[in-house]
Structures are given as C-alpha cells and as structure tokens.
Amino acid sequence: MFYTDSDIQKFASVEFKLIKIQQNGNLFTITLNRAEKRNAFTPTMLQELAFALEFAHAKDDIWCVLIEAEGPAFCSGMDLSIFQNPALDIKNESLPKSIKEITIGNALKNLEKPCIAKVQGSVFAGGFLIIGGCSLVVSVDDALFGLPEVKRGIFPMQVMATLLKIMPQRKAMEMAILGKNYSAKEAFDLGIVTHLSTKENIEQDTKGLINSILENSPFAIKKGFKAMNNFPLLPENDQHKYLLGILQEIRDSEDAKEGILAFKEKRKPVWKNK
C-alpha cells in the first residue's frame, strides 16, 4: 500500500486535478482526465490514481471499479517531458504524500476487487500498465494498442512484467521489440482485451459486465482476489492448505449463508460483503 489508513480517511478533502472520481451505488468510476495530452500520465496523475484505487480497496461499499478516459485516447503512457523534468509537473497539494514510490502495477494488484477498463481510444506504452492490471478490458473495435518505446531508445520494462502474466513470453517480446501497433482484434486474440465492442455498444456492454459483477457476492470475490495474489508466493506444500483456509472463511461468511438461503427461496440475494 502507498497511503496510510489516516490518509484514506481524508479522501473527501482531496481535489483531484488529473482524474475524476464518482461513486454510484457499489460502482466506483475513475476517469483519466488529461485529454489534451492523450491522458499521458505524470507523477501527480499516478499519485491521484493510486490514491483513488486505495480508497476503492478500503471502502466496503465499493464492489467494482471502472476506469475510463476523456478524449480520443485511453492512455498514451507516461509524459516523457515531465518525467525527465519534474518541475513541469502540476502538483496537487491536497493529496497526501505516498509512503513509498508508486507503481501502477502494484496499485491495481492491491485493489483486490473487480476492475474494468473501458477503452474507447488507443492504448500505448505505459497505458498497458492500467489495462493489464484490470480484471476485464472492454474495447471498441477500432482502438490501437502498441509499445513504441524502442522507437525512442527505451524498453517497456514495467509493461513486460504485466504482459508476461497475460500472454506467452515470445508474443510479449514481439510486441516490445517490434514497436508496431496492434488492432483491437489482435489485442483480443493475445488476451490483452477481454471483450470486443463497438462505439455504439460499448456503454451497454460495459454496463452489462458491471451488473453481472454486482449480482455476485463481493465478499467471495474479494477473497478470491486475495487468494490469487498470495497463492504463487507460498511453498507448493502449503498452497492447498491455504486455499482450503480461504474457502472456509467464505463458507462461514454472511454472504455465503445469504446466497444459499436466497437459492432455496428462489430470490436474488442481498449481499452484505461480510
């Protein structure tokens, strides 16, 4: 985690400059709001995004996170001019100072809740860190995806770590060393995009995914994410014992009892996230 519990309690006092946030019921929406720069992220934008994600993780009444973007591009990666000259960055004095260096990959991994990226424009370079860390990625069919870093004398090191969790090593290296653009269909075939849509249907398709998630037990899903994160870190002999322990926590939960009762009574369950 990058912020303390007391920092998160000050969330309402933060005035975001480079993202927009909104909570509607159990859905928390984060909108990248630097359209004039194709949503290229700056150090301040990364801090705001990480802070919003940690808030979403901490709030029991947030069950799903949606990340979308203003303008024609979803995200074009980092703003190289600002990262090379931090004095150009727009500071946000209302934002608490992070306790360690922020990485978007870890910020999304720590979320431990379903996160959907709604991609209505192209994704380049470090933008892959966002979509690669989301549970689901819905993209319009004319979006482009590419890693142009090698054309600028750079290599997408952090993106590689994300891609290797999604696709075979050879295909990840192909993307990194060719630096070419891939279509949304090609990104779908590679596993980068999980759902293909169109400009006309993406709102409806995304809403359908959100509704499907919110119909299910947030407590069970949260425990599933926790297990997914911790499982690879355990010695092989301890893995099944660990998973059985998490499963028992789920079985003992109020959500599990409600889910079984609702099934017997042929009604929709009323989840408590407990």
Protein backbone atom coordinates (compact mmCIF):
# COMPACT_ATOMS: atom_id res chain seq x y z
CA MET A 1 0.00 0.00 0.00
CA PHE A 2 1.15 3.54 -0.74
CA TYR A 3 -1.01 5.50 1.72
CA THR A 4 -1.87 5.12 5.41
CA ASP A 5 -5.35 4.49 6.78
CA SER A 6 -5.44 8.05 8.11
CA ASP A 7 -4.59 9.31 4.61
CA ILE A 8 -7.52 7.37 3.15
CA GLN A 9 -9.87 8.91 5.73
CA LYS A 10 -9.04 12.33 4.24
CA PHE A 11 -10.25 11.27 0.78
CA ALA A 12 -13.20 13.68 0.73
CA SER A 13 -10.89 16.66 1.18
CA VAL A 14 -8.74 15.85 -1.87
CA GLU A 15 -9.36 17.89 -5.02
CA PHE A 16 -8.30 15.80 -7.98
CA LYS A 17 -6.70 17.67 -10.88
CA LEU A 18 -5.89 14.98 -13.44
CA ILE A 19 -8.53 12.31 -12.81
CA LYS A 20 -12.23 12.43 -11.99
CA ILE A 21 -13.91 10.13 -9.49
CA GLN A 22 -17.53 9.21 -8.87
CA GLN A 23 -19.30 6.61 -6.73
CA ASN A 24 -22.69 5.41 -7.88
CA GLY A 25 -24.02 2.76 -5.53
CA ASN A 26 -21.42 -0.02 -5.35
CA LEU A 27 -19.62 1.17 -8.50
CA PHE A 28 -16.62 3.49 -8.28
CA THR A 29 -15.58 5.19 -11.52
CA ILE A 30 -12.15 6.69 -12.18
CA THR A 31 -11.82 8.82 -15.32
CA LEU A 32 -8.41 9.77 -16.71
CA ASN A 33 -8.80 13.49 -17.33
CA ARG A 34 -5.84 14.75 -19.33
CA ALA A 35 -7.39 14.53 -22.77
CA GLU A 36 -5.30 17.35 -24.23
CA LYS A 37 -2.20 15.20 -23.64
CA ARG A 38 -3.87 11.94 -24.69
CA ASN A 39 -4.06 11.04 -21.00
CA ALA A 40 -0.30 10.60 -20.74
CA PHE A 41 0.33 10.26 -17.03
CA THR A 42 2.52 12.46 -14.90
CA PRO A 43 3.88 11.77 -11.38
CA THR A 44 0.90 13.66 -9.92
CA MET A 45 -1.57 11.75 -12.08
CA LEU A 46 -0.04 8.46 -10.89
CA GLN A 47 -0.36 9.61 -7.28
CA GLU A 48 -4.00 10.55 -7.78
CA LEU A 49 -4.78 7.25 -9.48
CA ALA A 50 -3.05 5.20 -6.77
CA PHE A 51 -4.84 7.16 -4.04
CA ALA A 52 -8.24 6.61 -5.68
CA LEU A 53 -7.54 2.88 -6.06
CA GLU A 54 -6.54 2.54 -2.41
CA PHE A 55 -9.72 4.34 -1.38
CA ALA A 56 -11.75 1.92 -3.51
CA HIS A 57 -9.93 -1.01 -1.90
CA ALA A 58 -10.64 0.26 1.62
CA LYS A 59 -14.35 1.03 1.15
CA ASP A 60 -16.59 -1.96 1.85
CA ASP A 61 -19.45 -0.43 -0.13
CA ILE A 62 -17.37 -0.32 -3.33
CA TRP A 63 -17.64 -3.68 -5.09
CA CYS A 64 -16.45 -2.83 -8.60
CA VAL A 65 -14.16 -0.21 -10.15
CA LEU A 66 -14.45 1.19 -13.66
CA ILE A 67 -11.52 3.01 -15.31
CA GLU A 68 -12.31 5.10 -18.39
CA ALA A 69 -10.82 8.15 -20.09
CA GLU A 70 -11.74 11.51 -21.54
CA GLY A 71 -10.85 12.34 -25.13
CA PRO A 72 -9.87 10.27 -28.17
CA ALA A 73 -7.10 8.23 -26.47
CA PHE A 74 -7.40 5.98 -23.45
CA CYS A 75 -3.77 6.46 -22.38
CA SER A 76 -0.54 7.09 -24.25
CA GLY A 77 1.75 6.11 -21.39
CA MET A 78 3.97 8.43 -19.39
CA ASP A 79 4.56 12.06 -20.30
CA LEU A 80 8.29 11.76 -21.00
CA SER A 81 8.91 15.51 -20.92
CA ILE A 82 7.57 15.77 -17.38
CA PHE A 83 9.24 12.62 -16.06
CA GLN A 84 12.55 13.98 -17.39
CA ASN A 85 11.85 17.41 -15.92
CA PRO A 86 9.63 17.00 -12.82
CA ALA A 87 9.50 20.79 -12.40
CA LEU A 88 6.93 20.82 -15.21
CA ASP A 89 4.53 18.62 -13.24
CA ILE A 90 1.32 20.14 -11.85
CA LYS A 91 1.43 19.45 -8.11
CA ASN A 92 -1.62 18.54 -6.05
CA GLU A 93 -1.09 19.94 -2.57
CA SER A 94 -4.36 18.44 -1.30
CA LEU A 95 -3.09 14.92 -1.95
CA PRO A 96 -1.35 13.08 0.93
CA LYS A 97 2.27 12.17 0.32
CA SER A 98 2.78 8.49 -0.51
CA ILE A 99 4.85 6.46 1.94
CA LYS A 100 6.80 4.76 -0.87
CA GLU A 101 7.35 5.03 -4.60
CA ILE A 102 4.16 4.38 -6.56
CA THR A 103 3.90 1.78 -9.30
CA ILE A 104 0.59 1.42 -11.12
CA GLY A 105 1.04 -2.33 -11.44
CA ASN A 106 1.11 -2.74 -7.66
CA ALA A 107 -1.66 -0.17 -7.12
CA LEU A 108 -4.02 -2.26 -9.25
CA LYS A 109 -2.81 -5.55 -7.77
CA ASN A 110 -3.51 -4.26 -4.26
CA LEU A 111 -7.09 -3.32 -5.22
CA GLU A 112 -8.37 -6.92 -4.75
CA LYS A 113 -11.72 -6.04 -6.36
CA PRO A 114 -13.00 -6.42 -9.92
CA CYS A 115 -11.75 -3.58 -12.12
CA ILE A 116 -12.96 -2.93 -15.66
CA ALA A 117 -11.14 -0.79 -18.22
CA LYS A 118 -13.48 0.79 -20.77
CA VAL A 119 -11.23 1.52 -23.75
CA GLN A 120 -12.71 3.91 -26.31
CA GLY A 121 -9.38 5.06 -27.75
CA SER A 122 -5.88 3.82 -28.34
CA VAL A 123 -3.53 2.50 -25.66
CA PHE A 124 0.21 2.96 -25.95
CA ALA A 125 3.32 2.34 -23.83
CA GLY A 126 2.65 2.67 -20.10
CA GLY A 127 -1.09 2.68 -20.72
CA PHE A 128 -0.69 -1.11 -20.79
CA LEU A 129 0.07 -0.96 -17.05
CA ILE A 130 -3.50 0.18 -16.48
CA ILE A 131 -5.35 -2.20 -18.77
CA GLY A 132 -3.01 -5.06 -17.89
CA GLY A 133 -3.83 -4.64 -14.22
CA CYS A 134 -7.60 -4.63 -14.74
CA SER A 135 -9.72 -7.76 -14.38
CA LEU A 136 -11.61 -7.08 -17.62
CA VAL A 137 -10.92 -4.84 -20.61
CA VAL A 138 -13.76 -3.79 -22.92
CA SER A 139 -12.50 -2.13 -26.10
CA VAL A 140 -14.02 -0.57 -29.19
CA ASP A 141 -13.01 -2.42 -32.31
CA ASP A 142 -11.06 0.46 -33.87
CA ALA A 143 -8.70 1.11 -30.93
CA LEU A 144 -4.98 0.57 -31.44
CA PHE A 145 -2.53 -0.97 -28.99
CA GLY A 146 1.24 -0.57 -29.19
CA LEU A 147 4.56 -0.37 -27.38
CA PRO A 148 6.59 2.25 -29.27
CA GLU A 149 9.30 2.63 -26.61
CA VAL A 150 12.05 1.00 -28.68
CA LYS A 151 11.50 3.64 -31.36
CA ARG A 152 12.57 6.20 -28.76
CA GLY A 153 15.54 4.29 -27.42
CA ILE A 154 13.66 2.91 -24.41
CA PHE A 155 12.40 -0.57 -23.47
CA PRO A 156 8.99 -1.21 -21.79
CA MET A 157 10.39 -2.93 -18.72
CA GLN A 158 7.43 -2.49 -16.33
CA VAL A 159 4.95 -3.29 -19.08
CA MET A 160 6.84 -6.54 -19.71
CA ALA A 161 6.11 -7.67 -16.16
CA THR A 162 2.42 -7.04 -16.78
CA LEU A 163 2.31 -8.69 -20.21
CA LEU A 164 4.08 -11.86 -19.05
CA LYS A 165 1.09 -12.54 -16.76
CA ILE A 166 -1.26 -12.31 -19.74
CA MET A 167 0.45 -13.84 -22.76
CA PRO A 168 3.31 -16.16 -23.76
CA GLN A 169 6.80 -14.73 -23.37
CA ARG A 170 7.52 -14.86 -27.11
CA LYS A 171 4.44 -12.77 -28.00
CA ALA A 172 5.20 -10.25 -25.24
CA MET A 173 8.74 -9.85 -26.57
CA GLU A 174 7.39 -9.50 -30.10
CA MET A 175 5.27 -6.54 -29.04
CA ALA A 176 8.18 -4.96 -27.17
CA ILE A 177 10.87 -5.31 -29.86
CA LEU A 178 8.79 -4.56 -32.98
CA GLY A 179 7.15 -1.46 -31.56
CA LYS A 180 4.25 -1.77 -34.02
CA ASN A 181 0.56 -1.13 -33.48
CA TYR A 182 -1.91 -3.95 -33.00
CA SER A 183 -5.63 -3.83 -33.72
CA ALA A 184 -8.22 -4.39 -31.02
CA LYS A 185 -8.95 -7.82 -32.53
CA GLU A 186 -5.25 -8.74 -32.34
CA ALA A 187 -5.14 -7.48 -28.75
CA PHE A 188 -8.20 -9.63 -28.02
CA ASP A 189 -6.54 -12.70 -29.51
CA LEU A 190 -3.47 -12.05 -27.34
CA GLY A 191 -5.58 -11.78 -24.18
CA ILE A 192 -4.91 -8.07 -23.61
CA VAL A 193 -8.54 -7.22 -24.36
CA THR A 194 -11.20 -9.48 -22.84
CA HIS A 195 -14.31 -8.11 -24.59
CA LEU A 196 -14.61 -6.54 -28.03
CA SER A 197 -17.32 -3.96 -28.63
CA THR A 198 -18.17 -1.00 -30.87
CA LYS A 199 -18.61 2.72 -30.31
CA GLU A 200 -22.36 2.20 -30.47
CA ASN A 201 -22.45 -0.68 -27.97
CA ILE A 202 -19.61 -0.17 -25.52
CA GLU A 203 -21.72 1.67 -22.94
CA GLN A 204 -24.29 -1.12 -22.92
CA ASP A 205 -21.68 -3.89 -22.98
CA THR A 206 -19.73 -2.34 -20.09
CA LYS A 207 -22.89 -1.81 -18.06
CA GLY A 208 -23.79 -5.46 -18.61
CA LEU A 209 -20.45 -6.61 -17.22
CA ILE A 210 -20.77 -4.30 -14.22
CA ASN A 211 -24.28 -5.55 -13.46
CA SER A 212 -23.11 -9.15 -13.72
CA ILE A 213 -20.33 -8.48 -11.20
CA LEU A 214 -22.61 -6.63 -8.78
CA GLU A 215 -25.08 -9.52 -8.77
CA ASN A 216 -22.43 -11.77 -7.18
CA SER A 217 -21.02 -11.92 -3.66
CA PRO A 218 -18.46 -9.13 -3.14
CA PHE A 219 -17.05 -10.95 -0.12
CA ALA A 220 -16.36 -14.15 -2.06
CA ILE A 221 -14.84 -12.19 -4.96
CA LYS A 222 -12.62 -10.18 -2.61
CA LYS A 223 -11.33 -13.39 -1.01
CA GLY A 224 -10.74 -14.82 -4.49
CA PHE A 225 -8.51 -11.88 -5.42
CA LYS A 226 -6.63 -12.21 -2.13
CA ALA A 227 -6.01 -15.90 -2.78
CA MET A 228 -4.89 -15.22 -6.35
CA ASN A 229 -2.31 -12.69 -5.12
CA ASN A 230 -0.95 -14.82 -2.27
CA PHE A 231 -1.10 -18.31 -3.79
CA PRO A 232 2.03 -18.03 -6.01
CA LEU A 233 4.11 -16.80 -3.06
CA LEU A 234 3.55 -19.92 -0.97
CA PRO A 235 5.64 -23.12 -0.96
CA GLU A 236 3.91 -25.80 -3.04
CA ASN A 237 3.20 -27.95 0.03
CA ASP A 238 1.30 -25.08 1.67
CA GLN A 239 -0.79 -23.96 -1.28
CA HIS A 240 -3.77 -26.30 -0.96
CA LYS A 241 -3.95 -25.82 2.82
CA TYR A 242 -4.00 -22.06 2.29
CA LEU A 243 -6.78 -22.28 -0.31
CA LEU A 244 -8.87 -24.52 1.95
CA GLY A 245 -8.50 -21.96 4.73
CA ILE A 246 -9.72 -19.13 2.48
CA LEU A 247 -12.60 -21.30 1.27
CA GLN A 248 -13.62 -21.95 4.88
CA GLU A 249 -13.66 -18.19 5.54
CA ILE A 250 -16.01 -17.80 2.58
CA ARG A 251 -18.25 -20.66 3.73
CA ASP A 252 -18.54 -19.08 7.18
CA SER A 253 -19.42 -15.65 5.80
CA GLU A 254 -22.81 -13.94 5.95
CA ASP A 255 -22.77 -13.70 2.16
CA ALA A 256 -22.47 -17.48 1.80
CA LYS A 257 -25.36 -18.06 4.18
CA GLU A 258 -27.44 -15.47 2.35
CA GLY A 259 -26.56 -16.93 -1.05
CA ILE A 260 -27.67 -20.43 -0.05
CA LEU A 261 -30.87 -19.12 1.56
CA ALA A 262 -31.70 -16.99 -1.48
CA PHE A 263 -31.16 -20.02 -3.74
CA LYS A 264 -33.58 -22.08 -1.64
CA GLU A 265 -36.13 -19.27 -1.59
CA LYS A 266 -35.72 -18.64 -5.34
CA ARG A 267 -34.91 -14.93 -4.94
CA LYS A 268 -31.98 -12.62 -5.54
CA PRO A 269 -29.52 -12.47 -2.64
CA VAL A 270 -28.97 -9.30 -0.64
CA TRP A 271 -25.22 -9.12 -0.17
CA LYS A 272 -23.60 -7.59 2.93
CA ASN A 273 -19.94 -8.03 1.89
CA LYS A 274 -19.35 -9.85 5.19
